Protein backbone atom coordinates (compact mmCIF):
# COMPACT_ATOMS: atom_id res chain seq x y z
CA MET A 1 0.00 0.00 0.00
CA LYS A 2 1.30 3.46 -0.87
CA ARG A 3 -0.03 6.99 -0.54
CA VAL A 4 0.06 9.18 -3.63
CA GLU A 5 -0.24 12.96 -3.74
CA LEU A 6 -1.86 14.76 -6.66
CA ILE A 7 -1.53 18.41 -7.62
CA VAL A 8 -4.86 19.19 -9.28
CA ALA A 9 -5.78 22.06 -11.59
CA TYR A 10 -9.34 22.59 -12.70
CA ASP A 11 -11.90 24.93 -14.18
CA GLY A 12 -14.70 24.78 -11.63
CA THR A 13 -17.41 26.19 -13.89
CA ASN A 14 -19.23 22.91 -14.48
CA TYR A 15 -18.82 21.45 -11.00
CA ARG A 16 -20.59 21.70 -7.67
CA GLY A 17 -17.32 22.42 -5.92
CA TRP A 18 -14.73 19.95 -4.65
CA GLN A 19 -16.66 17.86 -2.13
CA ILE A 20 -19.03 15.10 -3.25
CA GLN A 21 -22.63 16.31 -3.57
CA LYS A 22 -25.87 14.50 -4.32
CA ASN A 23 -27.02 17.06 -6.88
CA GLY A 24 -24.19 17.11 -9.41
CA ASP A 25 -20.62 16.33 -10.42
CA THR A 26 -17.75 17.51 -8.23
CA ILE A 27 -13.98 17.48 -8.61
CA GLU A 28 -13.70 14.85 -5.88
CA SER A 29 -16.25 12.54 -7.52
CA MET A 30 -14.52 12.79 -10.90
CA LEU A 31 -11.13 11.93 -9.36
CA ASN A 32 -12.61 9.02 -7.42
CA GLN A 33 -14.21 7.57 -10.53
CA ALA A 34 -11.11 7.96 -12.70
CA LEU A 35 -8.83 6.43 -10.07
CA SER A 36 -11.20 3.55 -9.35
CA ASP A 37 -11.45 2.75 -13.07
CA LEU A 38 -7.68 2.95 -13.43
CA THR A 39 -6.71 0.78 -10.45
CA GLY A 40 -9.68 -1.55 -10.11
CA GLU A 41 -9.88 -0.52 -6.46
CA GLU A 42 -12.47 1.62 -4.70
CA ILE A 43 -10.49 4.85 -4.36
CA ARG A 44 -11.51 7.85 -2.28
CA VAL A 45 -9.28 10.91 -2.46
CA CYS A 46 -8.80 13.36 0.39
CA GLY A 47 -8.39 16.99 -0.64
CA ALA A 48 -6.55 19.79 1.12
CA SER A 49 -9.08 22.49 0.21
CA ARG A 50 -12.80 22.07 -0.41
CA THR A 51 -13.33 24.80 -2.98
CA ASP A 52 -16.88 25.98 -3.60
CA SER A 53 -19.05 25.59 -6.66
CA GLY A 54 -17.62 27.58 -9.57
CA VAL A 55 -14.22 28.19 -7.95
CA HIS A 56 -11.11 27.22 -9.92
CA ALA A 57 -7.69 25.87 -8.93
CA MET A 58 -4.16 25.84 -10.31
CA GLY A 59 -2.74 23.82 -7.42
CA ASN A 60 -5.16 22.05 -5.11
CA VAL A 61 -3.75 18.98 -3.36
CA ALA A 62 -5.25 15.53 -2.84
CA VAL A 63 -3.97 12.16 -1.65
CA PHE A 64 -5.18 8.58 -2.03
CA ASP A 65 -4.05 5.11 -0.98
CA THR A 66 -3.55 2.33 -3.47
CA GLU A 67 -2.04 -1.11 -3.87
CA ALA A 68 -1.53 -0.57 -7.60
CA ARG A 69 1.98 -1.35 -8.85
CA MET A 70 2.06 1.73 -11.06
CA ALA A 71 4.83 4.19 -10.10
CA ALA A 72 3.42 7.18 -8.25
CA ASP A 73 4.77 9.70 -10.77
CA LYS A 74 2.94 7.93 -13.62
CA PHE A 75 -0.53 8.45 -12.17
CA SER A 76 -0.62 12.02 -13.51
CA TYR A 77 -0.23 10.79 -17.10
CA ALA A 78 -2.71 7.95 -16.73
CA LEU A 79 -5.36 10.09 -15.03
CA ASN A 80 -5.12 12.89 -17.58
CA GLN A 81 -6.18 10.40 -20.25
CA ARG A 82 -9.34 9.59 -18.27
CA LEU A 83 -10.40 12.90 -16.75
CA PRO A 84 -12.47 15.54 -18.57
CA GLU A 85 -10.44 18.31 -20.16
CA ASP A 86 -11.38 20.84 -17.46
CA ILE A 87 -9.53 18.77 -14.80
CA ARG A 88 -5.82 18.09 -15.16
CA ILE A 89 -3.26 16.56 -12.79
CA GLN A 90 -0.12 18.69 -12.70
CA ARG A 91 2.02 16.24 -10.76
CA SER A 92 1.80 12.97 -8.83
CA ARG A 93 4.30 11.60 -6.32
CA GLU A 94 4.52 9.17 -3.43
CA VAL A 95 4.32 10.68 0.06
CA SER A 96 4.60 9.36 3.59
CA PRO A 97 1.74 7.01 4.63
CA ASP A 98 0.89 9.37 7.50
CA PHE A 99 0.76 12.52 5.36
CA HIS A 100 -2.74 14.02 5.50
CA PRO A 101 -3.29 17.29 3.57
CA ARG A 102 -6.15 18.45 5.78
CA TYR A 103 -4.29 18.16 9.07
CA GLN A 104 -1.07 19.95 8.17
CA GLU A 105 -0.07 23.55 8.78
CA THR A 106 -0.31 25.22 5.40
CA VAL A 107 0.15 28.48 3.57
CA LYS A 108 -2.47 29.00 0.87
CA THR A 109 -2.52 31.50 -1.95
CA TYR A 110 -5.65 32.60 -3.80
CA GLU A 111 -6.15 35.09 -6.60
CA TYR A 112 -9.34 36.93 -7.45
CA TRP A 113 -9.46 38.27 -11.03
CA ILE A 114 -11.51 41.25 -12.15
CA LEU A 115 -11.94 42.32 -15.76
CA ASN A 116 -12.40 46.10 -15.59
CA ARG A 117 -13.31 47.65 -18.93
CA GLU A 118 -16.25 49.06 -20.83
CA PHE A 119 -17.39 45.77 -22.37
CA PRO A 120 -16.86 42.10 -21.42
CA LEU A 121 -14.51 39.81 -23.32
CA PRO A 122 -16.01 36.36 -23.98
CA ALA A 123 -12.68 34.57 -23.42
CA TYR A 124 -12.70 35.77 -19.81
CA ARG A 125 -16.31 35.03 -18.97
CA LEU A 126 -15.60 31.86 -16.95
CA ASN A 127 -12.71 32.88 -14.70
CA THR A 128 -13.01 36.61 -14.06
CA TYR A 129 -15.59 38.93 -12.55
CA PHE A 130 -16.51 41.69 -15.00
CA THR A 131 -17.39 45.23 -14.00
CA TYR A 132 -17.53 48.34 -16.16
CA CYS A 133 -17.32 50.61 -13.08
CA ARG A 134 -13.81 52.03 -13.05
CA LEU A 135 -11.83 50.73 -10.10
CA ASP A 136 -9.07 52.76 -8.47
CA VAL A 137 -6.35 50.20 -7.78
CA SER A 138 -4.34 52.58 -5.56
CA ARG A 139 -7.33 52.90 -3.22
CA MET A 140 -7.78 49.13 -3.22
CA GLN A 141 -4.08 48.63 -2.41
CA LYS A 142 -4.30 51.02 0.53
CA ALA A 143 -7.38 49.25 1.89
CA ALA A 144 -5.72 45.85 1.44
CA SER A 145 -2.76 46.91 3.58
CA TYR A 146 -5.01 47.08 6.66
CA LEU A 147 -5.85 43.38 6.31
CA VAL A 148 -2.25 42.13 6.41
CA GLY A 149 -1.29 40.51 9.72
CA GLU A 150 -3.24 38.54 12.31
CA HIS A 151 -6.82 39.69 12.83
CA ASP A 152 -10.23 38.41 13.79
CA PHE A 153 -11.85 38.09 10.37
CA ARG A 154 -15.37 37.36 11.61
CA SER A 155 -16.68 40.24 9.46
CA PHE A 156 -15.23 38.46 6.42
CA CYS A 157 -16.78 35.06 7.17
CA ALA A 158 -20.06 33.87 5.65
CA ALA A 159 -22.86 33.18 8.10
CA GLY A 160 -23.23 29.62 9.32
CA ALA A 161 -19.55 28.68 9.22
CA GLN A 162 -18.61 26.33 12.06
CA VAL A 163 -15.06 27.10 13.16
CA LYS A 164 -13.29 27.17 16.51
CA THR A 165 -11.86 30.62 15.87
CA THR A 166 -12.20 33.32 13.23
CA VAL A 167 -8.67 34.59 13.80
CA ARG A 168 -6.45 34.17 10.74
CA ARG A 169 -3.12 35.57 9.55
CA ILE A 170 -2.64 37.12 6.13
CA TYR A 171 1.01 37.23 5.12
CA LYS A 172 0.60 39.15 1.89
CA LEU A 173 -2.25 40.87 0.08
CA GLN A 174 -1.50 42.54 -3.24
CA VAL A 175 -3.74 44.34 -5.70
CA THR A 176 -2.18 44.75 -9.15
CA LYS A 177 -3.38 45.74 -12.59
CA GLU A 178 -2.14 44.67 -16.01
CA GLY A 179 -4.06 46.18 -18.88
CA ASP A 180 -7.75 45.82 -17.95
CA LEU A 181 -7.18 42.87 -15.64
CA ILE A 182 -7.01 43.41 -11.87
CA SER A 183 -5.61 40.70 -9.61
CA ILE A 184 -6.19 40.46 -5.86
CA ARG A 185 -3.58 37.98 -4.60
CA VAL A 186 -3.79 36.89 -0.97
CA THR A 187 -1.55 34.51 0.95
CA GLY A 188 -2.41 33.33 4.46
CA ASN A 189 -2.30 30.50 6.98
CA GLY A 190 -5.95 29.65 6.40
CA PHE A 191 -9.19 31.17 5.19
CA LEU A 192 -12.73 31.25 6.52
CA TYR A 193 -15.78 30.33 4.46
CA ASN A 194 -16.04 32.83 1.56
CA MET A 195 -13.34 34.98 3.18
CA VAL A 196 -11.40 35.78 0.01
CA ARG A 197 -14.57 36.53 -1.97
CA ILE A 198 -15.79 38.87 0.79
CA ILE A 199 -12.41 40.60 0.84
CA ALA A 200 -12.69 41.02 -2.93
CA GLY A 201 -16.22 42.40 -2.67
CA THR A 202 -15.10 44.85 0.01
CA LEU A 203 -12.07 46.03 -1.99
CA ILE A 204 -14.31 46.54 -5.03
CA LYS A 205 -16.48 48.85 -2.91
CA VAL A 206 -13.36 50.83 -2.06
CA GLY A 207 -12.19 50.81 -5.67
CA THR A 208 -15.43 52.37 -6.91
CA GLY A 209 -15.12 55.17 -4.35
CA GLU A 210 -18.22 54.12 -2.40
CA TRP A 211 -16.11 53.35 0.67
CA GLU A 212 -12.87 54.84 1.95
CA PRO A 213 -9.78 52.66 2.43
CA SER A 214 -9.79 53.67 6.10
CA CYS A 215 -13.07 51.78 6.64
CA ILE A 216 -11.24 48.44 6.84
CA PRO A 217 -10.14 48.71 10.52
CA LYS A 218 -13.73 49.56 11.49
CA ILE A 219 -15.01 46.54 9.56
CA LEU A 220 -12.55 44.27 11.38
CA GLN A 221 -13.48 45.74 14.75
CA ALA A 222 -17.20 45.26 14.09
CA ARG A 223 -16.81 41.45 13.92
CA ASP A 224 -20.10 41.46 12.00
CA ARG A 225 -20.61 40.06 8.48
CA LYS A 226 -23.02 42.90 7.69
CA ALA A 227 -20.22 45.44 8.12
CA ALA A 228 -18.16 44.12 5.16
CA GLY A 229 -18.87 44.27 1.45
CA PRO A 230 -20.76 41.75 -0.69
CA THR A 231 -19.46 38.28 -1.52
CA ALA A 232 -17.88 38.54 -4.97
CA PRO A 233 -18.96 35.88 -7.52
CA ALA A 234 -17.23 32.51 -7.31
CA LYS A 235 -16.01 32.44 -10.91
CA GLY A 236 -13.36 35.10 -10.27
CA LEU A 237 -11.60 33.02 -7.60
CA THR A 238 -8.72 30.61 -8.18
CA LEU A 239 -6.77 28.60 -5.60
CA MET A 240 -3.20 29.10 -6.80
CA GLU A 241 -1.14 26.90 -4.51
CA ILE A 242 -0.88 25.19 -1.13
CA VAL A 243 2.48 24.92 0.62
CA PHE A 244 2.79 22.62 3.62
CA GLN A 245 4.89 23.29 6.70
CA GLY A 246 8.57 22.63 6.03
CA GLU A 247 8.04 22.57 2.28
CA LYS A 248 9.37 25.14 -0.17
CA GLU A 249 7.14 26.61 -2.86
CA ARG A 250 6.15 23.95 -5.35
CA PRO A 251 8.35 24.22 -8.47
CA ASP A 252 5.51 23.77 -10.96
CA PRO A 253 5.69 26.71 -13.41
CA ALA A 254 5.91 24.50 -16.50
CA GLU A 255 2.94 22.35 -15.50
CA ASN A 256 0.68 25.31 -14.75
CA ARG A 257 1.57 27.41 -17.76
CA GLY A 258 -1.37 27.70 -20.11
CA ILE A 259 -4.18 26.49 -17.81
CA ASN A 260 -5.76 29.92 -18.18
CA PRO A 261 -5.23 31.81 -21.46
CA HIS A 262 -4.30 35.10 -19.78
CA LEU A 263 -1.81 33.71 -17.26
CA ALA A 264 1.84 32.73 -17.25
CA LEU A 265 4.04 31.75 -14.33
CA ASP A 266 7.37 33.39 -13.68
CA THR A 267 10.45 31.46 -12.61
CA HIS A 268 9.51 31.73 -8.94
CA GLY A 269 6.11 30.11 -9.43
CA TYR A 270 4.20 33.37 -8.99
CA VAL A 271 1.57 34.40 -11.48
CA SER A 272 2.01 37.35 -13.76
CA TYR A 273 -0.21 38.48 -16.60
CA ASN A 274 1.35 38.28 -20.01
CA ILE A 275 -1.10 40.01 -22.34
CA LYS A 276 -2.39 43.50 -22.90
CA LEU A 277 -6.15 43.87 -23.19
């Protein structure tokens, strides 16, 4: 018996999120089926992040146990011949039998993409949020700076979430613009339910001029979901990578290049936009 880790990229448009649901296909169910067909065993993967319906990923992580003789690094090739084209394994490798992606200290990075121009572009309809309202990126950057560090993010947590604490640490939060495409990139030690999308919705409010950047500390202090901005649509959100404690950034630029038509990875594994709109 061996435990195999998968780095999974997917377009979440046609799926009901990661976790198995009764009312539609999910990333988890597609992986389970493909692996079970491949190995002849009943395989159940365990994912590091349960992304919501419509959310995308460049580097989610899952593990599974198997008695198959196939080398761990060959599972990526075999699975990619069986999975639909909107799910692709970027790497597979053998890991320790006691490695569990959900019970490790991690650093996660998400990006939220906004297409900000007069008219939409069809090629971006599935993985960006479009708004014709002009957004002031400098205001958004200033507001974002208040969120860096350890805070109680209860105001940025969707109602009904069951967690022991709403305190989280954001290591980096950057708002950048390339052409008409705005990226909100956030790295932290964990995220509450809809936290990144609520941060995006709040920064959009600041970008339009409706709210001042200085409102962020008051929103944090309120510890009330009603104090923050709206939850931005799921389709603009992508899970970029998950790094586990003691692990360096995953050296996967070649595997990820081209998953989204407007993205390229630099030599450090960070995303940069490579087109002008």
